[in-house]
N, C-alpha and C. Protein backbone atom coordinates (compact mmCIF):
# COMPACT_ATOMS: atom_id res chain seq x y z
N MET A 1 -2.33 -3.81 -43.36
CA MET A 1 -3.68 -3.80 -43.87
C MET A 1 -4.02 -5.20 -44.37
N THR A 2 -4.94 -5.84 -43.70
CA THR A 2 -5.34 -7.19 -44.05
C THR A 2 -6.61 -7.15 -44.88
N ILE A 3 -6.59 -7.81 -46.02
CA ILE A 3 -7.77 -7.91 -46.87
C ILE A 3 -8.52 -9.17 -46.45
N ARG A 4 -9.81 -9.03 -46.12
CA ARG A 4 -10.57 -10.15 -45.58
C ARG A 4 -11.68 -10.66 -46.51
N TYR A 5 -11.95 -9.97 -47.58
CA TYR A 5 -13.05 -10.36 -48.45
C TYR A 5 -12.51 -11.19 -49.60
N ALA A 6 -12.31 -12.49 -49.33
CA ALA A 6 -11.60 -13.37 -50.26
C ALA A 6 -12.29 -13.50 -51.61
N ARG A 7 -13.57 -13.75 -51.62
CA ARG A 7 -14.29 -13.91 -52.89
C ARG A 7 -14.26 -12.60 -53.68
N ALA A 8 -14.51 -11.51 -52.99
CA ALA A 8 -14.48 -10.19 -53.64
C ALA A 8 -13.08 -9.89 -54.15
N TYR A 9 -12.06 -10.32 -53.42
CA TYR A 9 -10.68 -10.10 -53.84
C TYR A 9 -10.41 -10.78 -55.18
N ASP A 10 -10.85 -12.03 -55.32
CA ASP A 10 -10.67 -12.73 -56.59
C ASP A 10 -11.38 -12.00 -57.74
N LEU A 11 -12.59 -11.55 -57.48
CA LEU A 11 -13.34 -10.81 -58.50
C LEU A 11 -12.65 -9.49 -58.85
N MET A 12 -12.13 -8.81 -57.81
CA MET A 12 -11.44 -7.54 -58.03
C MET A 12 -10.18 -7.75 -58.89
N LEU A 13 -9.41 -8.82 -58.59
CA LEU A 13 -8.21 -9.09 -59.38
C LEU A 13 -8.55 -9.39 -60.83
N THR A 14 -9.62 -10.13 -61.04
CA THR A 14 -10.04 -10.43 -62.41
C THR A 14 -10.36 -9.13 -63.15
N ALA A 15 -11.07 -8.24 -62.48
CA ALA A 15 -11.42 -6.96 -63.11
C ALA A 15 -10.19 -6.08 -63.32
N MET A 16 -9.34 -5.96 -62.29
CA MET A 16 -8.17 -5.07 -62.38
C MET A 16 -7.15 -5.54 -63.41
N THR A 17 -7.09 -6.86 -63.65
CA THR A 17 -6.13 -7.38 -64.61
C THR A 17 -6.78 -7.64 -65.98
N PHE A 18 -8.02 -7.19 -66.12
CA PHE A 18 -8.76 -7.39 -67.36
C PHE A 18 -8.78 -8.86 -67.76
N GLY A 19 -8.91 -9.74 -66.74
CA GLY A 19 -8.97 -11.18 -66.99
C GLY A 19 -7.62 -11.83 -67.25
N LEU A 20 -6.54 -11.10 -67.02
CA LEU A 20 -5.20 -11.62 -67.33
C LEU A 20 -4.43 -12.05 -66.08
N GLU A 21 -5.12 -12.37 -65.00
CA GLU A 21 -4.41 -12.73 -63.77
C GLU A 21 -3.48 -13.92 -63.97
N LYS A 22 -3.91 -14.93 -64.72
CA LYS A 22 -3.05 -16.09 -64.97
C LYS A 22 -1.76 -15.66 -65.68
N SER A 23 -1.88 -14.73 -66.60
CA SER A 23 -0.71 -14.22 -67.30
C SER A 23 0.23 -13.49 -66.34
N PHE A 24 -0.35 -12.71 -65.41
CA PHE A 24 0.45 -12.04 -64.38
C PHE A 24 1.23 -13.07 -63.59
N ARG A 25 0.54 -14.08 -63.10
CA ARG A 25 1.17 -15.10 -62.26
C ARG A 25 2.26 -15.85 -63.02
N LYS A 26 1.99 -16.19 -64.28
CA LYS A 26 3.00 -16.88 -65.08
C LYS A 26 4.25 -16.01 -65.24
N THR A 27 4.05 -14.72 -65.49
CA THR A 27 5.18 -13.80 -65.60
C THR A 27 6.02 -13.81 -64.33
N PHE A 28 5.36 -13.75 -63.18
CA PHE A 28 6.08 -13.74 -61.90
C PHE A 28 6.88 -15.03 -61.72
N LEU A 29 6.25 -16.17 -62.00
CA LEU A 29 6.94 -17.44 -61.80
C LEU A 29 8.06 -17.66 -62.82
N ASP A 30 7.90 -17.13 -64.02
CA ASP A 30 8.98 -17.21 -65.01
C ASP A 30 10.22 -16.47 -64.51
N LEU A 31 10.02 -15.36 -63.80
CA LEU A 31 11.14 -14.58 -63.27
C LEU A 31 12.00 -15.38 -62.30
N VAL A 32 11.37 -16.24 -61.51
CA VAL A 32 12.11 -16.96 -60.46
C VAL A 32 12.56 -18.34 -60.92
N SER A 33 12.11 -18.80 -62.08
CA SER A 33 12.56 -20.06 -62.69
C SER A 33 12.46 -21.25 -61.73
N LEU A 34 11.24 -21.53 -61.28
CA LEU A 34 11.04 -22.67 -60.38
C LEU A 34 11.41 -23.97 -61.08
N LYS A 35 11.95 -24.89 -60.28
CA LYS A 35 12.36 -26.20 -60.80
C LYS A 35 11.62 -27.32 -60.08
N THR A 36 11.44 -28.42 -60.79
CA THR A 36 10.82 -29.60 -60.19
C THR A 36 11.55 -29.96 -58.91
N GLY A 37 10.79 -30.26 -57.87
CA GLY A 37 11.37 -30.71 -56.62
C GLY A 37 11.70 -29.62 -55.62
N GLU A 38 11.56 -28.35 -56.01
CA GLU A 38 11.90 -27.28 -55.08
C GLU A 38 10.80 -27.07 -54.03
N SER A 39 11.21 -26.49 -52.90
CA SER A 39 10.26 -26.11 -51.85
C SER A 39 10.05 -24.61 -51.93
N VAL A 40 8.77 -24.20 -51.90
CA VAL A 40 8.40 -22.81 -52.15
C VAL A 40 7.50 -22.30 -51.03
N LEU A 41 7.73 -21.07 -50.60
CA LEU A 41 6.84 -20.39 -49.66
C LEU A 41 6.30 -19.15 -50.33
N ASP A 42 4.97 -18.99 -50.32
CA ASP A 42 4.31 -17.80 -50.84
C ASP A 42 3.84 -16.98 -49.64
N VAL A 43 4.53 -15.87 -49.37
CA VAL A 43 4.20 -15.00 -48.24
C VAL A 43 3.15 -14.00 -48.69
N GLY A 44 2.03 -13.96 -47.97
CA GLY A 44 0.92 -13.11 -48.39
C GLY A 44 0.20 -13.76 -49.56
N CYS A 45 -0.10 -15.04 -49.41
CA CYS A 45 -0.61 -15.86 -50.52
C CYS A 45 -2.00 -15.48 -50.98
N GLY A 46 -2.72 -14.68 -50.21
CA GLY A 46 -4.06 -14.32 -50.63
C GLY A 46 -4.92 -15.55 -50.82
N THR A 47 -5.61 -15.64 -51.93
CA THR A 47 -6.51 -16.76 -52.18
C THR A 47 -5.82 -17.94 -52.87
N GLY A 48 -4.49 -17.93 -52.92
CA GLY A 48 -3.74 -19.11 -53.32
C GLY A 48 -3.44 -19.28 -54.79
N THR A 49 -3.81 -18.35 -55.63
CA THR A 49 -3.63 -18.52 -57.07
C THR A 49 -2.17 -18.73 -57.46
N LEU A 50 -1.26 -17.91 -56.92
CA LEU A 50 0.16 -18.04 -57.26
C LEU A 50 0.73 -19.34 -56.69
N ALA A 51 0.35 -19.69 -55.48
CA ALA A 51 0.85 -20.93 -54.86
C ALA A 51 0.42 -22.16 -55.68
N ILE A 52 -0.80 -22.15 -56.17
CA ILE A 52 -1.28 -23.27 -56.99
C ILE A 52 -0.49 -23.35 -58.29
N ALA A 53 -0.24 -22.21 -58.92
CA ALA A 53 0.57 -22.20 -60.14
C ALA A 53 1.99 -22.68 -59.86
N ALA A 54 2.54 -22.29 -58.71
CA ALA A 54 3.89 -22.74 -58.32
C ALA A 54 3.91 -24.25 -58.12
N LYS A 55 2.88 -24.79 -57.51
CA LYS A 55 2.82 -26.24 -57.26
C LYS A 55 2.83 -27.00 -58.58
N ASN A 56 2.17 -26.48 -59.59
CA ASN A 56 2.19 -27.13 -60.90
C ASN A 56 3.61 -27.19 -61.48
N LEU A 57 4.45 -26.21 -61.15
CA LEU A 57 5.81 -26.18 -61.68
C LEU A 57 6.79 -27.05 -60.88
N VAL A 58 6.62 -27.11 -59.56
CA VAL A 58 7.54 -27.92 -58.76
C VAL A 58 7.12 -29.38 -58.72
N ASP A 59 5.92 -29.67 -59.19
CA ASP A 59 5.42 -31.03 -59.35
C ASP A 59 5.23 -31.71 -58.00
N GLU A 60 4.92 -32.98 -58.03
CA GLU A 60 4.68 -33.74 -56.81
C GLU A 60 5.92 -33.92 -55.96
N THR A 61 7.10 -33.83 -56.57
CA THR A 61 8.33 -33.99 -55.81
C THR A 61 8.70 -32.73 -55.04
N GLY A 62 8.07 -31.62 -55.38
CA GLY A 62 8.31 -30.36 -54.68
C GLY A 62 7.19 -30.08 -53.69
N SER A 63 7.38 -29.02 -52.92
CA SER A 63 6.35 -28.66 -51.95
C SER A 63 6.10 -27.15 -52.00
N VAL A 64 4.87 -26.78 -51.71
CA VAL A 64 4.50 -25.37 -51.67
C VAL A 64 3.72 -25.11 -50.39
N SER A 65 4.08 -24.03 -49.73
CA SER A 65 3.36 -23.55 -48.56
C SER A 65 2.96 -22.11 -48.82
N GLY A 66 1.90 -21.68 -48.18
CA GLY A 66 1.46 -20.30 -48.31
C GLY A 66 0.95 -19.79 -46.98
N ILE A 67 1.28 -18.54 -46.67
CA ILE A 67 0.75 -17.93 -45.45
C ILE A 67 0.05 -16.63 -45.81
N ASP A 68 -0.96 -16.31 -45.02
CA ASP A 68 -1.64 -15.03 -45.13
C ASP A 68 -2.17 -14.68 -43.75
N ALA A 69 -2.24 -13.40 -43.45
CA ALA A 69 -2.71 -12.95 -42.14
C ALA A 69 -4.22 -13.09 -42.00
N ALA A 70 -4.93 -13.16 -43.11
CA ALA A 70 -6.40 -13.23 -43.07
C ALA A 70 -6.88 -14.68 -43.17
N PRO A 71 -7.55 -15.18 -42.14
CA PRO A 71 -8.06 -16.56 -42.19
C PRO A 71 -9.01 -16.78 -43.37
N GLU A 72 -9.74 -15.73 -43.75
CA GLU A 72 -10.68 -15.85 -44.87
C GLU A 72 -9.94 -16.14 -46.18
N MET A 73 -8.79 -15.53 -46.36
CA MET A 73 -7.99 -15.78 -47.56
C MET A 73 -7.45 -17.21 -47.55
N VAL A 74 -6.95 -17.62 -46.40
CA VAL A 74 -6.39 -18.97 -46.28
C VAL A 74 -7.47 -20.02 -46.54
N GLU A 75 -8.66 -19.81 -46.02
CA GLU A 75 -9.76 -20.77 -46.24
C GLU A 75 -10.10 -20.87 -47.72
N ARG A 76 -10.18 -19.74 -48.39
CA ARG A 76 -10.47 -19.77 -49.85
C ARG A 76 -9.32 -20.42 -50.60
N ALA A 77 -8.08 -20.14 -50.22
CA ALA A 77 -6.92 -20.76 -50.87
C ALA A 77 -6.98 -22.28 -50.73
N ARG A 78 -7.32 -22.75 -49.54
CA ARG A 78 -7.42 -24.21 -49.32
C ARG A 78 -8.48 -24.82 -50.22
N LYS A 79 -9.62 -24.16 -50.33
CA LYS A 79 -10.70 -24.68 -51.18
C LYS A 79 -10.29 -24.71 -52.65
N LYS A 80 -9.62 -23.65 -53.10
CA LYS A 80 -9.18 -23.61 -54.50
C LYS A 80 -8.14 -24.70 -54.79
N ALA A 81 -7.22 -24.89 -53.85
CA ALA A 81 -6.19 -25.92 -54.03
C ALA A 81 -6.82 -27.31 -54.06
N GLU A 82 -7.76 -27.53 -53.15
CA GLU A 82 -8.44 -28.84 -53.12
C GLU A 82 -9.19 -29.08 -54.42
N ARG A 83 -9.88 -28.06 -54.91
CA ARG A 83 -10.63 -28.17 -56.18
C ARG A 83 -9.69 -28.50 -57.34
N ASP A 84 -8.46 -27.92 -57.30
CA ASP A 84 -7.49 -28.14 -58.37
C ASP A 84 -6.61 -29.37 -58.14
N GLY A 85 -6.81 -30.07 -57.02
CA GLY A 85 -6.00 -31.25 -56.72
C GLY A 85 -4.56 -30.92 -56.38
N ALA A 86 -4.32 -29.72 -55.85
CA ALA A 86 -2.95 -29.28 -55.50
C ALA A 86 -2.74 -29.42 -54.00
N LYS A 87 -1.76 -30.22 -53.62
CA LYS A 87 -1.46 -30.41 -52.20
C LYS A 87 -0.53 -29.28 -51.74
N ILE A 88 -1.11 -28.32 -51.02
CA ILE A 88 -0.38 -27.13 -50.56
C ILE A 88 -0.70 -26.91 -49.09
N ASP A 89 0.31 -26.56 -48.32
CA ASP A 89 0.14 -26.26 -46.90
C ASP A 89 -0.14 -24.77 -46.75
N PHE A 90 -1.40 -24.41 -46.54
CA PHE A 90 -1.78 -23.01 -46.30
C PHE A 90 -1.98 -22.81 -44.80
N GLN A 91 -1.41 -21.72 -44.27
CA GLN A 91 -1.55 -21.41 -42.85
C GLN A 91 -1.85 -19.93 -42.66
N THR A 92 -2.58 -19.65 -41.59
CA THR A 92 -2.79 -18.27 -41.19
C THR A 92 -1.59 -17.86 -40.35
N ALA A 93 -0.86 -16.88 -40.81
CA ALA A 93 0.34 -16.40 -40.11
C ALA A 93 0.69 -15.02 -40.66
N VAL A 94 1.56 -14.32 -39.93
CA VAL A 94 2.00 -13.00 -40.37
C VAL A 94 3.42 -13.08 -40.92
N ALA A 95 3.73 -12.19 -41.83
CA ALA A 95 5.03 -12.21 -42.52
C ALA A 95 6.20 -11.99 -41.57
N GLU A 96 5.98 -11.26 -40.51
CA GLU A 96 7.07 -10.96 -39.59
C GLU A 96 7.30 -12.06 -38.55
N LYS A 97 6.52 -13.15 -38.62
CA LYS A 97 6.71 -14.29 -37.71
C LYS A 97 6.30 -15.57 -38.45
N LEU A 98 7.17 -16.04 -39.33
CA LEU A 98 6.87 -17.20 -40.17
C LEU A 98 7.00 -18.49 -39.36
N PRO A 99 6.02 -19.39 -39.49
CA PRO A 99 6.01 -20.62 -38.69
C PRO A 99 6.81 -21.77 -39.32
N TYR A 100 8.04 -21.48 -39.74
CA TYR A 100 8.88 -22.49 -40.39
C TYR A 100 10.28 -22.42 -39.82
N PRO A 101 11.01 -23.54 -39.88
CA PRO A 101 12.39 -23.54 -39.36
C PRO A 101 13.36 -22.80 -40.28
N ASP A 102 14.51 -22.49 -39.75
CA ASP A 102 15.57 -21.83 -40.52
C ASP A 102 15.95 -22.68 -41.73
N GLY A 103 16.25 -22.02 -42.84
CA GLY A 103 16.77 -22.70 -44.02
C GLY A 103 15.87 -23.77 -44.61
N HIS A 104 14.59 -23.55 -44.60
CA HIS A 104 13.62 -24.58 -45.00
C HIS A 104 13.24 -24.55 -46.48
N PHE A 105 13.28 -23.37 -47.12
CA PHE A 105 12.75 -23.24 -48.49
C PHE A 105 13.83 -22.90 -49.51
N ASP A 106 13.62 -23.42 -50.72
CA ASP A 106 14.47 -23.05 -51.86
C ASP A 106 14.10 -21.68 -52.40
N VAL A 107 12.81 -21.37 -52.35
CA VAL A 107 12.30 -20.13 -52.95
C VAL A 107 11.26 -19.51 -52.02
N VAL A 108 11.35 -18.20 -51.84
CA VAL A 108 10.31 -17.44 -51.15
C VAL A 108 9.76 -16.42 -52.14
N LEU A 109 8.45 -16.38 -52.25
CA LEU A 109 7.75 -15.43 -53.10
C LEU A 109 7.02 -14.41 -52.22
N ASN A 110 7.12 -13.16 -52.56
CA ASN A 110 6.25 -12.15 -51.95
C ASN A 110 5.84 -11.20 -53.05
N THR A 111 4.61 -11.33 -53.47
CA THR A 111 4.12 -10.53 -54.58
C THR A 111 2.95 -9.67 -54.11
N LEU A 112 3.09 -8.39 -54.33
CA LEU A 112 2.05 -7.41 -54.00
C LEU A 112 1.63 -7.48 -52.53
N ILE A 113 2.62 -7.71 -51.66
CA ILE A 113 2.34 -7.70 -50.22
C ILE A 113 3.09 -6.59 -49.50
N MET A 114 4.29 -6.26 -49.94
CA MET A 114 5.14 -5.33 -49.18
C MET A 114 4.48 -3.97 -48.99
N HIS A 115 3.74 -3.49 -49.97
CA HIS A 115 3.09 -2.19 -49.81
C HIS A 115 1.97 -2.23 -48.77
N HIS A 116 1.49 -3.42 -48.43
CA HIS A 116 0.46 -3.56 -47.39
C HIS A 116 1.05 -3.49 -45.99
N LEU A 117 2.33 -3.81 -45.85
CA LEU A 117 2.96 -3.86 -44.53
C LEU A 117 3.36 -2.47 -44.08
N PRO A 118 3.11 -2.14 -42.81
CA PRO A 118 3.61 -0.87 -42.30
C PRO A 118 5.13 -0.83 -42.43
N ALA A 119 5.68 0.35 -42.67
CA ALA A 119 7.12 0.50 -42.90
C ALA A 119 7.94 -0.10 -41.77
N ASP A 120 7.46 0.01 -40.53
CA ASP A 120 8.24 -0.51 -39.40
C ASP A 120 8.21 -2.03 -39.30
N ILE A 121 7.37 -2.69 -40.08
CA ILE A 121 7.30 -4.16 -40.07
C ILE A 121 8.01 -4.77 -41.27
N ARG A 122 8.15 -4.03 -42.35
CA ARG A 122 8.76 -4.57 -43.57
C ARG A 122 10.12 -5.22 -43.31
N GLY A 123 10.97 -4.56 -42.57
CA GLY A 123 12.30 -5.10 -42.29
C GLY A 123 12.24 -6.43 -41.56
N SER A 124 11.37 -6.52 -40.55
CA SER A 124 11.21 -7.77 -39.80
C SER A 124 10.68 -8.89 -40.70
N ALA A 125 9.73 -8.54 -41.56
CA ALA A 125 9.18 -9.54 -42.48
C ALA A 125 10.25 -10.05 -43.43
N LEU A 126 11.03 -9.15 -43.98
CA LEU A 126 12.10 -9.56 -44.90
C LEU A 126 13.17 -10.37 -44.19
N GLU A 127 13.50 -10.02 -42.96
CA GLU A 127 14.47 -10.80 -42.19
C GLU A 127 13.94 -12.22 -41.95
N GLU A 128 12.64 -12.35 -41.71
CA GLU A 128 12.03 -13.66 -41.54
C GLU A 128 12.09 -14.46 -42.84
N MET A 129 11.84 -13.81 -43.96
CA MET A 129 11.91 -14.49 -45.25
C MET A 129 13.34 -14.98 -45.50
N ARG A 130 14.31 -14.16 -45.15
CA ARG A 130 15.71 -14.57 -45.28
C ARG A 130 16.03 -15.75 -44.36
N ARG A 131 15.50 -15.71 -43.15
CA ARG A 131 15.75 -16.79 -42.18
C ARG A 131 15.27 -18.14 -42.70
N VAL A 132 14.09 -18.18 -43.33
CA VAL A 132 13.53 -19.47 -43.75
C VAL A 132 14.09 -19.95 -45.09
N LEU A 133 14.85 -19.10 -45.78
CA LEU A 133 15.48 -19.51 -47.05
C LEU A 133 16.73 -20.35 -46.79
N LYS A 134 16.93 -21.33 -47.64
CA LYS A 134 18.19 -22.08 -47.62
C LYS A 134 19.31 -21.13 -48.04
N PRO A 135 20.55 -21.38 -47.62
CA PRO A 135 21.66 -20.51 -48.03
C PRO A 135 21.78 -20.37 -49.55
N SER A 136 21.37 -21.39 -50.28
CA SER A 136 21.42 -21.35 -51.75
C SER A 136 20.10 -20.89 -52.36
N GLY A 137 19.16 -20.46 -51.51
CA GLY A 137 17.82 -20.10 -51.98
C GLY A 137 17.76 -18.75 -52.68
N ARG A 138 16.55 -18.42 -53.13
CA ARG A 138 16.32 -17.15 -53.80
C ARG A 138 14.92 -16.64 -53.48
N MET A 139 14.79 -15.34 -53.54
CA MET A 139 13.51 -14.70 -53.24
C MET A 139 13.11 -13.81 -54.40
N LEU A 140 11.81 -13.85 -54.71
CA LEU A 140 11.23 -12.96 -55.71
C LEU A 140 10.26 -12.03 -55.00
N SER A 141 10.49 -10.74 -55.16
CA SER A 141 9.58 -9.71 -54.64
C SER A 141 9.02 -8.94 -55.83
N VAL A 142 7.72 -8.76 -55.84
CA VAL A 142 7.06 -7.98 -56.88
C VAL A 142 6.13 -7.00 -56.19
N ASP A 143 6.20 -5.75 -56.61
CA ASP A 143 5.29 -4.76 -56.03
C ASP A 143 5.14 -3.59 -57.00
N PHE A 144 4.28 -2.67 -56.61
CA PHE A 144 4.02 -1.52 -57.46
C PHE A 144 5.25 -0.66 -57.63
N GLN A 145 5.44 -0.17 -58.83
CA GLN A 145 6.55 0.73 -59.11
C GLN A 145 5.98 2.13 -59.29
N LEU A 146 6.08 2.89 -58.23
CA LEU A 146 5.67 4.28 -58.29
C LEU A 146 6.96 5.09 -58.43
N PRO A 147 7.11 5.86 -59.46
CA PRO A 147 8.38 6.52 -59.75
C PRO A 147 9.04 7.17 -58.54
N ARG A 148 8.28 7.84 -57.72
CA ARG A 148 8.84 8.55 -56.57
C ARG A 148 9.46 7.59 -55.55
N PHE A 149 8.89 6.40 -55.42
CA PHE A 149 9.33 5.46 -54.39
C PHE A 149 10.27 4.38 -54.91
N PHE A 150 10.24 4.10 -56.20
CA PHE A 150 10.98 2.97 -56.74
C PHE A 150 12.29 3.37 -57.39
N GLN A 151 12.87 4.47 -57.05
CA GLN A 151 14.11 4.85 -57.69
C GLN A 151 15.27 4.83 -56.72
N LYS A 152 16.30 4.16 -57.11
CA LYS A 152 17.56 4.16 -56.37
C LYS A 152 18.64 4.27 -57.44
N GLU A 153 19.14 5.45 -57.62
CA GLU A 153 20.14 5.68 -58.65
C GLU A 153 19.67 5.13 -59.99
N ASN A 154 18.43 5.43 -60.33
CA ASN A 154 17.79 5.02 -61.58
C ASN A 154 17.63 3.51 -61.72
N ALA A 155 17.76 2.77 -60.63
CA ALA A 155 17.54 1.32 -60.69
C ALA A 155 16.06 1.04 -60.47
N HIS A 156 15.59 -0.05 -61.04
CA HIS A 156 14.20 -0.46 -60.84
C HIS A 156 14.06 -1.09 -59.47
N GLY A 157 12.87 -1.00 -58.91
CA GLY A 157 12.60 -1.63 -57.62
C GLY A 157 13.14 -0.85 -56.44
N GLY A 158 13.28 0.46 -56.53
CA GLY A 158 13.93 1.30 -55.53
C GLY A 158 13.56 1.07 -54.08
N TRP A 159 12.34 1.41 -53.65
CA TRP A 159 12.04 1.32 -52.21
C TRP A 159 12.08 -0.10 -51.73
N ILE A 160 11.56 -1.02 -52.52
CA ILE A 160 11.59 -2.42 -52.07
C ILE A 160 13.01 -2.97 -52.14
N ARG A 161 13.75 -2.56 -53.16
CA ARG A 161 15.16 -2.99 -53.27
C ARG A 161 15.95 -2.52 -52.05
N ASN A 162 15.74 -1.29 -51.65
CA ASN A 162 16.43 -0.76 -50.47
C ASN A 162 16.11 -1.59 -49.24
N ALA A 163 14.84 -1.91 -49.05
CA ALA A 163 14.43 -2.71 -47.88
C ALA A 163 15.04 -4.10 -47.93
N ILE A 164 15.09 -4.70 -49.12
CA ILE A 164 15.65 -6.04 -49.29
C ILE A 164 17.14 -6.05 -48.96
N GLU A 165 17.85 -5.07 -49.48
CA GLU A 165 19.29 -4.99 -49.19
C GLU A 165 19.54 -4.73 -47.71
N LYS A 166 18.73 -3.88 -47.10
CA LYS A 166 18.89 -3.58 -45.67
C LYS A 166 18.65 -4.81 -44.81
N ALA A 167 17.79 -5.73 -45.28
CA ALA A 167 17.50 -6.97 -44.55
C ALA A 167 18.58 -8.03 -44.75
N GLY A 168 19.64 -7.71 -45.52
CA GLY A 168 20.76 -8.63 -45.67
C GLY A 168 20.76 -9.48 -46.92
N PHE A 169 19.86 -9.21 -47.85
CA PHE A 169 19.83 -9.96 -49.10
C PHE A 169 20.82 -9.36 -50.10
N ASN A 170 21.25 -10.19 -51.04
CA ASN A 170 22.04 -9.73 -52.18
C ASN A 170 21.10 -9.67 -53.39
N VAL A 171 20.92 -8.51 -53.95
CA VAL A 171 20.06 -8.37 -55.12
C VAL A 171 20.82 -8.87 -56.34
N THR A 172 20.22 -9.82 -57.05
CA THR A 172 20.85 -10.38 -58.25
C THR A 172 20.28 -9.79 -59.54
N GLU A 173 19.05 -9.31 -59.46
CA GLU A 173 18.41 -8.76 -60.66
C GLU A 173 17.20 -7.95 -60.23
N SER A 174 16.92 -6.89 -60.96
CA SER A 174 15.71 -6.12 -60.70
C SER A 174 15.29 -5.44 -62.00
N GLY A 175 14.04 -5.10 -62.07
CA GLY A 175 13.54 -4.43 -63.27
C GLY A 175 12.04 -4.33 -63.26
N ARG A 176 11.51 -3.90 -64.36
CA ARG A 176 10.06 -3.84 -64.52
C ARG A 176 9.56 -5.17 -65.04
N THR A 177 8.36 -5.50 -64.64
CA THR A 177 7.71 -6.65 -65.26
C THR A 177 7.11 -6.15 -66.58
N ARG A 178 6.53 -7.04 -67.33
CA ARG A 178 5.91 -6.57 -68.58
C ARG A 178 4.62 -5.80 -68.30
N PHE A 179 4.20 -5.79 -67.02
CA PHE A 179 3.06 -5.01 -66.58
C PHE A 179 3.64 -3.73 -65.98
N MET A 180 3.57 -2.65 -66.68
CA MET A 180 4.33 -1.42 -66.43
C MET A 180 4.30 -0.90 -64.99
N ILE A 181 3.23 -1.12 -64.26
CA ILE A 181 3.16 -0.57 -62.91
C ILE A 181 3.83 -1.46 -61.87
N LEU A 182 4.35 -2.61 -62.29
CA LEU A 182 4.95 -3.55 -61.35
C LEU A 182 6.44 -3.73 -61.61
N ALA A 183 7.21 -3.74 -60.52
CA ALA A 183 8.64 -3.99 -60.60
C ALA A 183 8.95 -5.25 -59.81
N TYR A 184 10.08 -5.87 -60.13
CA TYR A 184 10.48 -7.08 -59.42
C TYR A 184 11.93 -6.95 -58.92
N VAL A 185 12.22 -7.70 -57.88
CA VAL A 185 13.58 -7.81 -57.36
C VAL A 185 13.83 -9.28 -57.07
N LEU A 186 14.87 -9.83 -57.66
CA LEU A 186 15.33 -11.18 -57.35
C LEU A 186 16.53 -11.05 -56.43
N SER A 187 16.57 -11.87 -55.39
CA SER A 187 17.68 -11.75 -54.44
C SER A 187 18.01 -13.12 -53.84
N THR A 188 19.18 -13.17 -53.22
CA THR A 188 19.62 -14.37 -52.50
C THR A 188 19.95 -13.95 -51.07
N PRO A 189 19.89 -14.90 -50.13
CA PRO A 189 20.21 -14.52 -48.76
C PRO A 189 21.69 -14.15 -48.65
N GLY A 190 21.97 -13.07 -47.98
CA GLY A 190 23.36 -12.67 -47.76
C GLY A 190 23.99 -13.51 -46.67
N LYS A 191 25.22 -13.29 -46.42
CA LYS A 191 25.94 -14.05 -45.39
C LYS A 191 25.65 -13.48 -44.03
């Protein structure tokens, strides 16, 4: 399911987060502990808000790229980054076919995208995210925590955790974010 109404999407997020979208994004980036100089990929970047925040953390010595399936989202992300003076490579692409070489990124982010992907594509998308990660890299996944779907032996991040492990990642940490309906999974590429 591709969201194409970029301006409306930004307005919707502002309303749904009661104006706390920046706080949401900061929470997500705190979980992955970005460092100056790292290379970051934001899969399903939407209108670029998280990618721009990531660029501020990795500084000029780091790099940030973002992909989204909707050209309208990518265009808005480019405009927002330009307005903020953030040099970010935004591209229109799908999660299951990332336009980057193997082992290219230190960090891959996928926040609130996995529930949009059909179940039969999630595995391919995660395998692609693993492919573009450096062997020492890490991935942060954040998505909705619905009790029925997010349970694996009482662990947080159940359905997404299962998909991540099946794609060959090693889960290093999982839990709820401070926003009760969202869970996160931190992982590293498996061997």
